[in-house]
Amino acid sequence: MEQFQHCIIKSFKHDGHLHRMWLENWLVPDSLLLPEHASESMRIFINEQTPIQEADGKQWISRVPAVSFFIPGQWFNVVALMEEHGIRYYCNVASPPFFGENVLTYIDYDLDVILTTDGRVQLVDLEEYEQHKAIYHYSAEVERKVQDGLKALTARVERKVPPFHDEGVAHYYEAWQKQTGGGNRHK
């Protein structure tokens, strides 16, 4: 059986400076991917109480377990936050992911879509996006890809298609718990 692989996730801003790092994540082995995720070659990561480092060097620890979904070629990613009252999906409009050497990277474009545990959908950080669009001088092509990513993401949220299935999130988290006993955070 393939093992969960330790990885780091790094997000950057458009100008290339580091935005945030999630330091302890576990890549779900391909052999454990559900068919609906494998068909899109998704990279899925689990983390729980992972240290998160901000661009200024400050660190904090995540409070809830998370299952993150990255889809090659898509201008968004999805983080399923396993909260006490259910799963909240926090979705980042972002460049397609790049994965190599146990590090996944992407550019964060600020726009976020949240699907709450009670099914409400919220678009957040529009002001931050507009500010960064002006500061970083997004090209027309980047602007188009960001807007297309937001539309694709919103369509998935509305249709509740993968990865917006609580059962899949629970499947990966339970498999990770079973195989690693919680990830062996202190390797």
N, C-alpha and C. Protein backbone atom coordinates (compact mmCIF):
# COMPACT_ATOMS: atom_id res chain seq x y z
N MET A 1 0.85 -1.19 0.00
CA MET A 1 0.00 0.00 0.00
C MET A 1 0.89 1.25 0.00
N GLU A 2 0.52 2.19 -0.86
CA GLU A 2 1.25 3.45 -0.90
C GLU A 2 1.06 4.20 0.42
N GLN A 3 2.07 4.95 0.79
CA GLN A 3 2.03 5.71 2.03
C GLN A 3 1.67 7.17 1.77
N PHE A 4 1.08 7.81 2.77
CA PHE A 4 0.87 9.24 2.72
C PHE A 4 2.25 9.89 2.76
N GLN A 5 2.42 10.92 1.95
CA GLN A 5 3.72 11.56 1.78
C GLN A 5 3.71 12.96 2.40
N HIS A 6 4.72 13.26 3.23
CA HIS A 6 4.82 14.57 3.87
C HIS A 6 5.16 15.63 2.82
N CYS A 7 4.42 16.76 2.84
CA CYS A 7 4.62 17.83 1.86
C CYS A 7 4.43 19.19 2.52
N ILE A 8 4.92 20.20 1.84
CA ILE A 8 4.72 21.60 2.23
C ILE A 8 3.87 22.26 1.14
N ILE A 9 2.97 23.13 1.55
CA ILE A 9 2.18 23.92 0.61
C ILE A 9 2.58 25.38 0.78
N LYS A 10 2.91 26.04 -0.34
CA LYS A 10 3.31 27.45 -0.32
C LYS A 10 2.41 28.24 -1.26
N SER A 11 1.89 29.35 -0.75
CA SER A 11 1.17 30.26 -1.63
C SER A 11 1.98 31.55 -1.76
N PHE A 12 1.91 32.11 -2.96
CA PHE A 12 2.64 33.33 -3.29
C PHE A 12 1.66 34.38 -3.77
N LYS A 13 2.11 35.61 -3.83
CA LYS A 13 1.35 36.68 -4.46
C LYS A 13 1.85 36.84 -5.89
N HIS A 14 1.14 37.61 -6.69
CA HIS A 14 1.41 37.74 -8.11
C HIS A 14 2.84 38.21 -8.41
N ASP A 15 3.41 39.03 -7.53
CA ASP A 15 4.77 39.52 -7.76
C ASP A 15 5.85 38.54 -7.34
N GLY A 16 5.44 37.36 -6.85
CA GLY A 16 6.40 36.32 -6.50
C GLY A 16 6.77 36.26 -5.04
N HIS A 17 6.31 37.20 -4.22
CA HIS A 17 6.68 37.11 -2.80
C HIS A 17 5.79 36.09 -2.08
N LEU A 18 6.40 35.46 -1.09
CA LEU A 18 5.71 34.43 -0.32
C LEU A 18 4.53 35.04 0.43
N HIS A 19 3.41 34.35 0.39
CA HIS A 19 2.21 34.78 1.12
C HIS A 19 2.06 33.97 2.41
N ARG A 20 2.09 32.63 2.28
CA ARG A 20 1.83 31.77 3.43
C ARG A 20 2.33 30.36 3.12
N MET A 21 2.76 29.63 4.18
CA MET A 21 3.18 28.24 4.04
C MET A 21 2.47 27.38 5.08
N TRP A 22 1.99 26.23 4.63
CA TRP A 22 1.45 25.20 5.51
C TRP A 22 2.55 24.14 5.58
N LEU A 23 3.12 23.95 6.77
CA LEU A 23 4.38 23.22 6.89
C LEU A 23 4.25 21.71 7.03
N GLU A 24 3.10 21.21 7.47
CA GLU A 24 2.93 19.76 7.64
C GLU A 24 1.63 19.30 6.99
N ASN A 25 1.76 18.75 5.80
CA ASN A 25 0.63 18.23 5.04
C ASN A 25 0.97 16.83 4.58
N TRP A 26 -0.06 16.07 4.31
CA TRP A 26 0.15 14.67 3.90
C TRP A 26 -0.59 14.44 2.60
N LEU A 27 0.15 14.13 1.54
CA LEU A 27 -0.42 13.88 0.22
C LEU A 27 -1.09 12.51 0.21
N VAL A 28 -2.35 12.48 -0.22
CA VAL A 28 -3.09 11.23 -0.33
C VAL A 28 -2.50 10.42 -1.49
N PRO A 29 -2.14 9.16 -1.26
CA PRO A 29 -1.60 8.33 -2.35
C PRO A 29 -2.63 8.14 -3.46
N ASP A 30 -2.16 8.05 -4.69
CA ASP A 30 -3.05 7.87 -5.83
C ASP A 30 -3.95 6.65 -5.66
N SER A 31 -3.43 5.61 -5.04
CA SER A 31 -4.21 4.37 -4.87
C SER A 31 -5.43 4.56 -3.97
N LEU A 32 -5.47 5.63 -3.17
CA LEU A 32 -6.60 5.88 -2.29
C LEU A 32 -7.58 6.92 -2.83
N LEU A 33 -7.27 7.51 -4.00
CA LEU A 33 -8.17 8.52 -4.56
C LEU A 33 -9.49 7.90 -4.99
N LEU A 34 -10.56 8.58 -4.67
CA LEU A 34 -11.87 8.16 -5.14
C LEU A 34 -11.94 8.40 -6.65
N PRO A 35 -12.72 7.60 -7.38
CA PRO A 35 -12.76 7.72 -8.85
C PRO A 35 -13.04 9.14 -9.35
N GLU A 36 -13.96 9.85 -8.68
CA GLU A 36 -14.31 11.20 -9.14
C GLU A 36 -13.16 12.19 -8.97
N HIS A 37 -12.23 11.90 -8.08
CA HIS A 37 -11.05 12.75 -7.89
C HIS A 37 -9.90 12.28 -8.78
N ALA A 38 -9.75 10.98 -8.90
CA ALA A 38 -8.70 10.44 -9.77
C ALA A 38 -8.92 10.83 -11.22
N SER A 39 -10.19 10.91 -11.64
CA SER A 39 -10.49 11.24 -13.04
C SER A 39 -10.02 12.64 -13.42
N GLU A 40 -9.85 13.52 -12.43
CA GLU A 40 -9.35 14.87 -12.69
C GLU A 40 -7.90 15.04 -12.22
N SER A 41 -7.25 13.93 -11.86
CA SER A 41 -5.86 13.95 -11.39
C SER A 41 -5.66 14.91 -10.22
N MET A 42 -6.65 14.97 -9.33
CA MET A 42 -6.55 15.87 -8.18
C MET A 42 -5.41 15.45 -7.28
N ARG A 43 -4.77 16.44 -6.67
CA ARG A 43 -3.81 16.21 -5.60
C ARG A 43 -4.54 16.63 -4.32
N ILE A 44 -4.58 15.69 -3.38
CA ILE A 44 -5.35 15.91 -2.16
C ILE A 44 -4.41 15.78 -0.97
N PHE A 45 -4.52 16.76 -0.07
CA PHE A 45 -3.65 16.82 1.10
C PHE A 45 -4.49 16.87 2.37
N ILE A 46 -3.95 16.26 3.42
CA ILE A 46 -4.57 16.29 4.74
C ILE A 46 -3.64 17.07 5.66
N ASN A 47 -4.22 17.90 6.53
CA ASN A 47 -3.41 18.44 7.61
C ASN A 47 -4.27 18.59 8.85
N GLU A 48 -3.60 18.58 9.99
CA GLU A 48 -4.27 18.74 11.27
C GLU A 48 -3.26 19.37 12.22
N GLN A 49 -3.64 20.48 12.80
CA GLN A 49 -2.75 21.23 13.69
C GLN A 49 -1.40 21.46 13.03
N THR A 50 -1.45 21.88 11.77
CA THR A 50 -0.21 22.15 11.06
C THR A 50 0.30 23.54 11.40
N PRO A 51 1.61 23.69 11.54
CA PRO A 51 2.15 25.05 11.67
C PRO A 51 1.96 25.79 10.35
N ILE A 52 1.50 27.03 10.45
CA ILE A 52 1.31 27.89 9.28
C ILE A 52 2.20 29.11 9.47
N GLN A 53 3.03 29.36 8.48
CA GLN A 53 3.95 30.50 8.56
C GLN A 53 3.52 31.58 7.59
N GLU A 54 3.36 32.79 8.12
CA GLU A 54 2.98 33.93 7.31
C GLU A 54 4.23 34.52 6.65
N ALA A 55 4.03 35.40 5.67
CA ALA A 55 5.14 36.02 4.95
C ALA A 55 6.09 36.77 5.88
N ASP A 56 5.57 37.32 6.97
CA ASP A 56 6.41 38.08 7.90
C ASP A 56 7.15 37.18 8.90
N GLY A 57 7.00 35.85 8.75
CA GLY A 57 7.70 34.91 9.63
C GLY A 57 6.89 34.45 10.83
N LYS A 58 5.79 35.12 11.13
CA LYS A 58 4.96 34.70 12.27
C LYS A 58 4.35 33.34 11.98
N GLN A 59 4.28 32.52 13.02
CA GLN A 59 3.68 31.19 12.88
C GLN A 59 2.49 31.04 13.81
N TRP A 60 1.55 30.22 13.36
CA TRP A 60 0.40 29.85 14.17
C TRP A 60 0.03 28.42 13.80
N ILE A 61 -0.82 27.81 14.57
CA ILE A 61 -1.22 26.42 14.35
C ILE A 61 -2.68 26.38 13.93
N SER A 62 -2.96 25.62 12.86
CA SER A 62 -4.36 25.48 12.42
C SER A 62 -5.18 24.82 13.52
N ARG A 63 -6.43 25.22 13.60
CA ARG A 63 -7.29 24.74 14.69
C ARG A 63 -8.10 23.50 14.34
N VAL A 64 -8.40 23.31 13.06
CA VAL A 64 -9.26 22.19 12.68
C VAL A 64 -8.59 21.37 11.59
N PRO A 65 -8.90 20.08 11.51
CA PRO A 65 -8.37 19.27 10.41
C PRO A 65 -8.87 19.82 9.08
N ALA A 66 -8.05 19.65 8.03
CA ALA A 66 -8.42 20.13 6.71
C ALA A 66 -8.03 19.12 5.65
N VAL A 67 -8.85 19.03 4.62
CA VAL A 67 -8.56 18.24 3.43
C VAL A 67 -8.57 19.22 2.26
N SER A 68 -7.43 19.34 1.58
CA SER A 68 -7.28 20.33 0.51
C SER A 68 -7.23 19.65 -0.85
N PHE A 69 -7.92 20.24 -1.82
CA PHE A 69 -8.04 19.69 -3.16
C PHE A 69 -7.43 20.66 -4.18
N PHE A 70 -6.50 20.16 -4.97
CA PHE A 70 -5.85 20.94 -6.02
C PHE A 70 -6.06 20.19 -7.34
N ILE A 71 -6.58 20.90 -8.34
CA ILE A 71 -6.91 20.29 -9.62
C ILE A 71 -6.01 20.90 -10.70
N PRO A 72 -5.21 20.06 -11.37
CA PRO A 72 -4.33 20.60 -12.42
C PRO A 72 -5.12 21.42 -13.44
N GLY A 73 -4.57 22.57 -13.79
CA GLY A 73 -5.17 23.42 -14.82
C GLY A 73 -6.28 24.33 -14.35
N GLN A 74 -6.77 24.13 -13.13
CA GLN A 74 -7.89 24.94 -12.63
C GLN A 74 -7.37 26.15 -11.85
N TRP A 75 -8.04 27.28 -11.99
CA TRP A 75 -7.66 28.51 -11.32
C TRP A 75 -8.38 28.67 -9.98
N PHE A 76 -8.38 27.62 -9.20
CA PHE A 76 -8.91 27.65 -7.83
C PHE A 76 -8.43 26.40 -7.10
N ASN A 77 -8.51 26.46 -5.77
CA ASN A 77 -8.32 25.26 -4.95
C ASN A 77 -9.33 25.30 -3.82
N VAL A 78 -9.54 24.16 -3.21
CA VAL A 78 -10.62 24.00 -2.23
C VAL A 78 -10.05 23.39 -0.96
N VAL A 79 -10.35 24.03 0.17
CA VAL A 79 -9.95 23.51 1.47
C VAL A 79 -11.21 23.18 2.25
N ALA A 80 -11.38 21.90 2.58
CA ALA A 80 -12.52 21.45 3.37
C ALA A 80 -12.10 21.47 4.84
N LEU A 81 -12.67 22.39 5.60
CA LEU A 81 -12.34 22.55 7.02
C LEU A 81 -13.32 21.73 7.85
N MET A 82 -12.81 20.77 8.58
CA MET A 82 -13.64 19.84 9.35
C MET A 82 -13.92 20.43 10.73
N GLU A 83 -14.98 21.25 10.78
CA GLU A 83 -15.32 21.96 12.01
C GLU A 83 -16.30 21.17 12.85
N GLU A 84 -16.48 21.61 14.06
CA GLU A 84 -17.33 20.90 15.02
C GLU A 84 -18.75 20.65 14.50
N HIS A 85 -19.31 21.62 13.76
CA HIS A 85 -20.70 21.51 13.31
C HIS A 85 -20.84 21.09 11.85
N GLY A 86 -19.75 20.63 11.25
CA GLY A 86 -19.81 20.19 9.86
C GLY A 86 -18.61 20.69 9.07
N ILE A 87 -18.68 20.47 7.79
CA ILE A 87 -17.55 20.83 6.91
C ILE A 87 -17.85 22.16 6.23
N ARG A 88 -16.90 23.09 6.37
CA ARG A 88 -16.97 24.39 5.70
C ARG A 88 -15.90 24.37 4.61
N TYR A 89 -16.30 24.75 3.41
CA TYR A 89 -15.38 24.75 2.27
C TYR A 89 -14.88 26.17 2.04
N TYR A 90 -13.58 26.35 2.16
CA TYR A 90 -12.95 27.64 1.91
C TYR A 90 -12.19 27.50 0.59
N CYS A 91 -12.59 28.26 -0.40
CA CYS A 91 -12.08 28.10 -1.76
C CYS A 91 -11.30 29.33 -2.18
N ASN A 92 -10.09 29.11 -2.64
CA ASN A 92 -9.22 30.19 -3.08
C ASN A 92 -9.22 30.28 -4.60
N VAL A 93 -9.48 31.47 -5.14
CA VAL A 93 -9.22 31.69 -6.56
C VAL A 93 -7.71 31.87 -6.65
N ALA A 94 -7.07 31.01 -7.44
CA ALA A 94 -5.60 30.94 -7.45
C ALA A 94 -5.14 30.34 -8.76
N SER A 95 -3.86 30.54 -9.05
CA SER A 95 -3.29 29.92 -10.24
C SER A 95 -3.35 28.40 -10.11
N PRO A 96 -3.25 27.69 -11.23
CA PRO A 96 -3.16 26.24 -11.15
C PRO A 96 -1.95 25.84 -10.30
N PRO A 97 -2.06 24.72 -9.60
CA PRO A 97 -0.97 24.30 -8.72
C PRO A 97 0.23 23.76 -9.50
N PHE A 98 1.40 23.91 -8.88
CA PHE A 98 2.62 23.27 -9.39
C PHE A 98 3.13 22.39 -8.26
N PHE A 99 3.46 21.13 -8.59
CA PHE A 99 3.92 20.20 -7.56
C PHE A 99 5.24 19.58 -7.97
N GLY A 100 6.22 19.66 -7.08
CA GLY A 100 7.51 19.03 -7.30
C GLY A 100 8.33 19.04 -6.04
N GLU A 101 9.15 18.00 -5.86
CA GLU A 101 10.05 17.92 -4.69
C GLU A 101 9.28 18.03 -3.37
N ASN A 102 8.11 17.42 -3.28
CA ASN A 102 7.28 17.42 -2.07
C ASN A 102 6.80 18.81 -1.65
N VAL A 103 6.73 19.73 -2.61
CA VAL A 103 6.22 21.07 -2.34
C VAL A 103 5.19 21.41 -3.41
N LEU A 104 4.02 21.85 -2.96
CA LEU A 104 2.99 22.34 -3.87
C LEU A 104 2.96 23.86 -3.76
N THR A 105 2.96 24.54 -4.91
CA THR A 105 2.92 26.00 -4.91
C THR A 105 1.79 26.51 -5.80
N TYR A 106 1.32 27.71 -5.48
CA TYR A 106 0.33 28.38 -6.31
C TYR A 106 0.36 29.88 -6.00
N ILE A 107 -0.22 30.68 -6.88
CA ILE A 107 -0.36 32.11 -6.65
C ILE A 107 -1.78 32.39 -6.18
N ASP A 108 -1.90 33.04 -5.04
CA ASP A 108 -3.19 33.37 -4.45
C ASP A 108 -3.66 34.72 -5.02
N TYR A 109 -4.86 34.72 -5.58
CA TYR A 109 -5.42 35.95 -6.16
C TYR A 109 -6.52 36.57 -5.29
N ASP A 110 -6.51 36.28 -4.01
CA ASP A 110 -7.31 36.94 -2.98
C ASP A 110 -8.79 36.60 -2.97
N LEU A 111 -9.43 36.52 -4.13
CA LEU A 111 -10.87 36.22 -4.13
C LEU A 111 -11.11 34.85 -3.52
N ASP A 112 -12.05 34.78 -2.59
CA ASP A 112 -12.37 33.53 -1.93
C ASP A 112 -13.87 33.31 -1.95
N VAL A 113 -14.24 32.04 -2.07
CA VAL A 113 -15.64 31.64 -2.00
C VAL A 113 -15.75 30.68 -0.81
N ILE A 114 -16.72 30.95 0.05
CA ILE A 114 -16.93 30.10 1.22
C ILE A 114 -18.30 29.44 1.09
N LEU A 115 -18.31 28.12 1.26
CA LEU A 115 -19.56 27.35 1.34
C LEU A 115 -19.69 26.95 2.80
N THR A 116 -20.65 27.54 3.49
CA THR A 116 -20.81 27.31 4.93
C THR A 116 -21.44 25.94 5.19
N THR A 117 -21.38 25.53 6.44
CA THR A 117 -21.93 24.22 6.81
C THR A 117 -23.44 24.15 6.58
N ASP A 118 -24.11 25.32 6.57
CA ASP A 118 -25.55 25.32 6.32
C ASP A 118 -25.91 25.61 4.87
N GLY A 119 -24.90 25.59 3.97
CA GLY A 119 -25.16 25.70 2.54
C GLY A 119 -25.13 27.10 1.95
N ARG A 120 -24.85 28.12 2.76
CA ARG A 120 -24.76 29.48 2.22
C ARG A 120 -23.43 29.66 1.47
N VAL A 121 -23.46 30.46 0.41
CA VAL A 121 -22.27 30.73 -0.39
C VAL A 121 -21.93 32.22 -0.25
N GLN A 122 -20.66 32.51 0.07
CA GLN A 122 -20.22 33.89 0.24
C GLN A 122 -18.97 34.14 -0.61
N LEU A 123 -18.94 35.29 -1.30
CA LEU A 123 -17.73 35.75 -1.99
C LEU A 123 -17.09 36.76 -1.07
N VAL A 124 -15.80 36.56 -0.74
CA VAL A 124 -15.11 37.46 0.19
C VAL A 124 -13.81 37.96 -0.41
N ASP A 125 -13.30 39.03 0.17
CA ASP A 125 -12.00 39.63 -0.17
C ASP A 125 -11.98 40.31 -1.54
N LEU A 126 -13.14 40.77 -2.02
CA LEU A 126 -13.19 41.47 -3.30
C LEU A 126 -12.36 42.76 -3.26
N GLU A 127 -12.42 43.49 -2.13
CA GLU A 127 -11.63 44.73 -2.01
C GLU A 127 -10.14 44.44 -2.08
N GLU A 128 -9.71 43.38 -1.39
CA GLU A 128 -8.29 43.00 -1.41
C GLU A 128 -7.85 42.64 -2.83
N TYR A 129 -8.71 41.93 -3.55
CA TYR A 129 -8.41 41.59 -4.94
C TYR A 129 -8.24 42.85 -5.79
N GLU A 130 -9.16 43.78 -5.66
CA GLU A 130 -9.10 45.02 -6.45
C GLU A 130 -7.83 45.81 -6.12
N GLN A 131 -7.46 45.86 -4.84
CA GLN A 131 -6.23 46.56 -4.44
C GLN A 131 -5.00 45.91 -5.08
N HIS A 132 -4.92 44.58 -4.98
CA HIS A 132 -3.75 43.88 -5.52
C HIS A 132 -3.73 43.92 -7.05
N LYS A 133 -4.90 43.92 -7.67
CA LYS A 133 -4.96 44.04 -9.13
C LYS A 133 -4.29 45.34 -9.58
N ALA A 134 -4.53 46.41 -8.83
CA ALA A 134 -3.92 47.70 -9.15
C ALA A 134 -2.43 47.73 -8.80
N ILE A 135 -2.09 47.21 -7.63
CA ILE A 135 -0.68 47.23 -7.18
C ILE A 135 0.21 46.38 -8.08
N TYR A 136 -0.26 45.18 -8.41
CA TYR A 136 0.58 44.23 -9.16
C TYR A 136 0.37 44.32 -10.67
N HIS A 137 -0.55 45.18 -11.11
CA HIS A 137 -0.79 45.39 -12.55
C HIS A 137 -1.09 44.08 -13.28
N TYR A 138 -2.16 43.40 -12.83
CA TYR A 138 -2.55 42.16 -13.49
C TYR A 138 -2.80 42.43 -14.98
N SER A 139 -2.30 41.54 -15.80
CA SER A 139 -2.55 41.66 -17.24
C SER A 139 -4.00 41.29 -17.54
N ALA A 140 -4.45 41.62 -18.74
CA ALA A 140 -5.81 41.26 -19.16
C ALA A 140 -5.97 39.74 -19.14
N GLU A 141 -4.91 39.02 -19.50
CA GLU A 141 -4.99 37.55 -19.50
C GLU A 141 -5.16 37.00 -18.08
N VAL A 142 -4.39 37.53 -17.13
CA VAL A 142 -4.53 37.08 -15.73
C VAL A 142 -5.93 37.42 -15.23
N GLU A 143 -6.40 38.62 -15.50
CA GLU A 143 -7.74 39.02 -15.08
C GLU A 143 -8.79 38.07 -15.66
N ARG A 144 -8.66 37.71 -16.93
CA ARG A 144 -9.62 36.78 -17.56
C ARG A 144 -9.56 35.42 -16.89
N LYS A 145 -8.34 34.93 -16.63
CA LYS A 145 -8.21 33.60 -16.01
C LYS A 145 -8.76 33.59 -14.58
N VAL A 146 -8.54 34.67 -13.85
CA VAL A 146 -9.09 34.77 -12.49
C VAL A 146 -10.62 34.74 -12.56
N GLN A 147 -11.21 35.53 -13.46
CA GLN A 147 -12.67 35.57 -13.58
C GLN A 147 -13.22 34.22 -14.04
N ASP A 148 -12.54 33.57 -14.99
CA ASP A 148 -12.96 32.23 -15.44
C ASP A 148 -12.86 31.23 -14.30
N GLY A 149 -11.79 31.34 -13.49
CA GLY A 149 -11.63 30.46 -12.33
C GLY A 149 -12.75 30.65 -11.33
N LEU A 150 -13.11 31.90 -11.09
CA LEU A 150 -14.21 32.19 -10.17
C LEU A 150 -15.52 31.60 -10.69
N LYS A 151 -15.77 31.73 -12.00
CA LYS A 151 -17.00 31.17 -12.58
C LYS A 151 -17.02 29.65 -12.48
N ALA A 152 -15.89 29.01 -12.79
CA ALA A 152 -15.81 27.54 -12.73
C ALA A 152 -16.01 27.06 -11.29
N LEU A 153 -15.38 27.75 -10.36
CA LEU A 153 -15.52 27.40 -8.94
C LEU A 153 -16.96 27.56 -8.48
N THR A 154 -17.56 28.70 -8.81
CA THR A 154 -18.94 28.96 -8.40
C THR A 154 -19.89 27.92 -8.98
N ALA A 155 -19.67 27.52 -10.22
CA ALA A 155 -20.52 26.50 -10.84
C ALA A 155 -20.40 25.18 -10.10
N ARG A 156 -19.19 24.80 -9.71
CA ARG A 156 -19.01 23.55 -8.94
C ARG A 156 -19.72 23.63 -7.59
N VAL A 157 -19.59 24.77 -6.93
CA VAL A 157 -20.23 24.95 -5.62
C VAL A 157 -21.74 24.81 -5.78
N GLU A 158 -22.31 25.49 -6.76
CA GLU A 158 -23.76 25.48 -6.95
C GLU A 158 -24.27 24.08 -7.29
N ARG A 159 -23.50 23.33 -8.08
CA ARG A 159 -23.92 21.99 -8.49
C ARG A 159 -23.53 20.92 -7.47
N LYS A 160 -22.73 21.30 -6.47
CA LYS A 160 -22.26 20.37 -5.43
C LYS A 160 -21.56 19.15 -6.04
N VAL A 161 -20.68 19.43 -7.02
CA VAL A 161 -19.90 18.36 -7.64
C VAL A 161 -18.52 18.32 -6.98
N PRO A 162 -17.77 17.23 -7.19
CA PRO A 162 -16.48 17.10 -6.53
C PRO A 162 -15.62 18.36 -6.73
N PRO A 163 -14.99 18.77 -5.64
CA PRO A 163 -14.79 18.05 -4.38
C PRO A 163 -15.78 18.39 -3.27
N PHE A 164 -16.94 18.93 -3.61
CA PHE A 164 -17.90 19.38 -2.58
C PHE A 164 -18.81 18.26 -2.09
N HIS A 165 -18.21 17.19 -1.61
CA HIS A 165 -18.93 16.05 -1.05
C HIS A 165 -18.32 15.72 0.31
N ASP A 166 -19.09 15.93 1.35
CA ASP A 166 -18.59 15.69 2.71
C ASP A 166 -18.10 14.25 2.90
N GLU A 167 -18.74 13.30 2.21
CA GLU A 167 -18.35 11.89 2.37
C GLU A 167 -16.92 11.67 1.88
N GLY A 168 -16.54 12.31 0.79
CA GLY A 168 -15.17 12.18 0.27
C GLY A 168 -14.15 12.76 1.23
N VAL A 169 -14.49 13.90 1.81
CA VAL A 169 -13.60 14.53 2.79
C VAL A 169 -13.38 13.59 3.96
N ALA A 170 -14.47 13.03 4.50
CA ALA A 170 -14.38 12.10 5.63
C ALA A 170 -13.58 10.86 5.25
N HIS A 171 -13.77 10.36 4.03
CA HIS A 171 -13.05 9.18 3.54
C HIS A 171 -11.54 9.39 3.64
N TYR A 172 -11.05 10.53 3.14
CA TYR A 172 -9.61 10.79 3.14
C TYR A 172 -9.08 11.00 4.54
N TYR A 173 -9.80 11.72 5.35
CA TYR A 173 -9.35 11.98 6.71
C TYR A 173 -9.26 10.68 7.51
N GLU A 174 -10.29 9.84 7.37
CA GLU A 174 -10.29 8.55 8.10
C GLU A 174 -9.17 7.63 7.61
N ALA A 175 -8.93 7.60 6.30
CA ALA A 175 -7.84 6.77 5.75
C ALA A 175 -6.49 7.25 6.28
N TRP A 176 -6.32 8.57 6.34
CA TRP A 176 -5.08 9.15 6.87
C TRP A 176 -4.91 8.79 8.34
N GLN A 177 -5.97 8.94 9.12
CA GLN A 177 -5.92 8.59 10.55
C GLN A 177 -5.55 7.12 10.73
N LYS A 178 -6.17 6.27 9.93
CA LYS A 178 -5.94 4.83 10.06
C LYS A 178 -4.50 4.47 9.72
N GLN A 179 -3.98 5.03 8.62
CA GLN A 179 -2.64 4.66 8.17
C GLN A 179 -1.54 5.30 8.99
N THR A 180 -1.76 6.52 9.44
CA THR A 180 -0.66 7.26 10.10
C THR A 180 -0.85 7.46 11.59
N GLY A 181 -2.03 7.17 12.09
CA GLY A 181 -2.28 7.45 13.50
C GLY A 181 -2.27 8.96 13.77
N GLY A 182 -2.65 9.74 12.77
CA GLY A 182 -2.68 11.18 12.93
C GLY A 182 -1.53 11.87 12.26
N GLY A 183 -0.82 11.16 11.41
CA GLY A 183 0.21 11.80 10.61
C GLY A 183 1.61 11.71 11.14
N ASN A 184 1.78 11.13 12.35
CA ASN A 184 3.13 11.07 12.94
C ASN A 184 3.79 12.43 12.84
N ARG A 185 3.11 13.42 13.35
CA ARG A 185 3.57 14.81 13.21
C ARG A 185 5.00 15.02 13.69
N HIS A 186 5.43 14.21 14.61
CA HIS A 186 6.80 14.38 15.13
C HIS A 186 7.65 13.23 14.63
N LYS A 187 7.93 13.28 13.31
CA LYS A 187 8.65 12.20 12.64
C LYS A 187 10.00 11.94 13.26
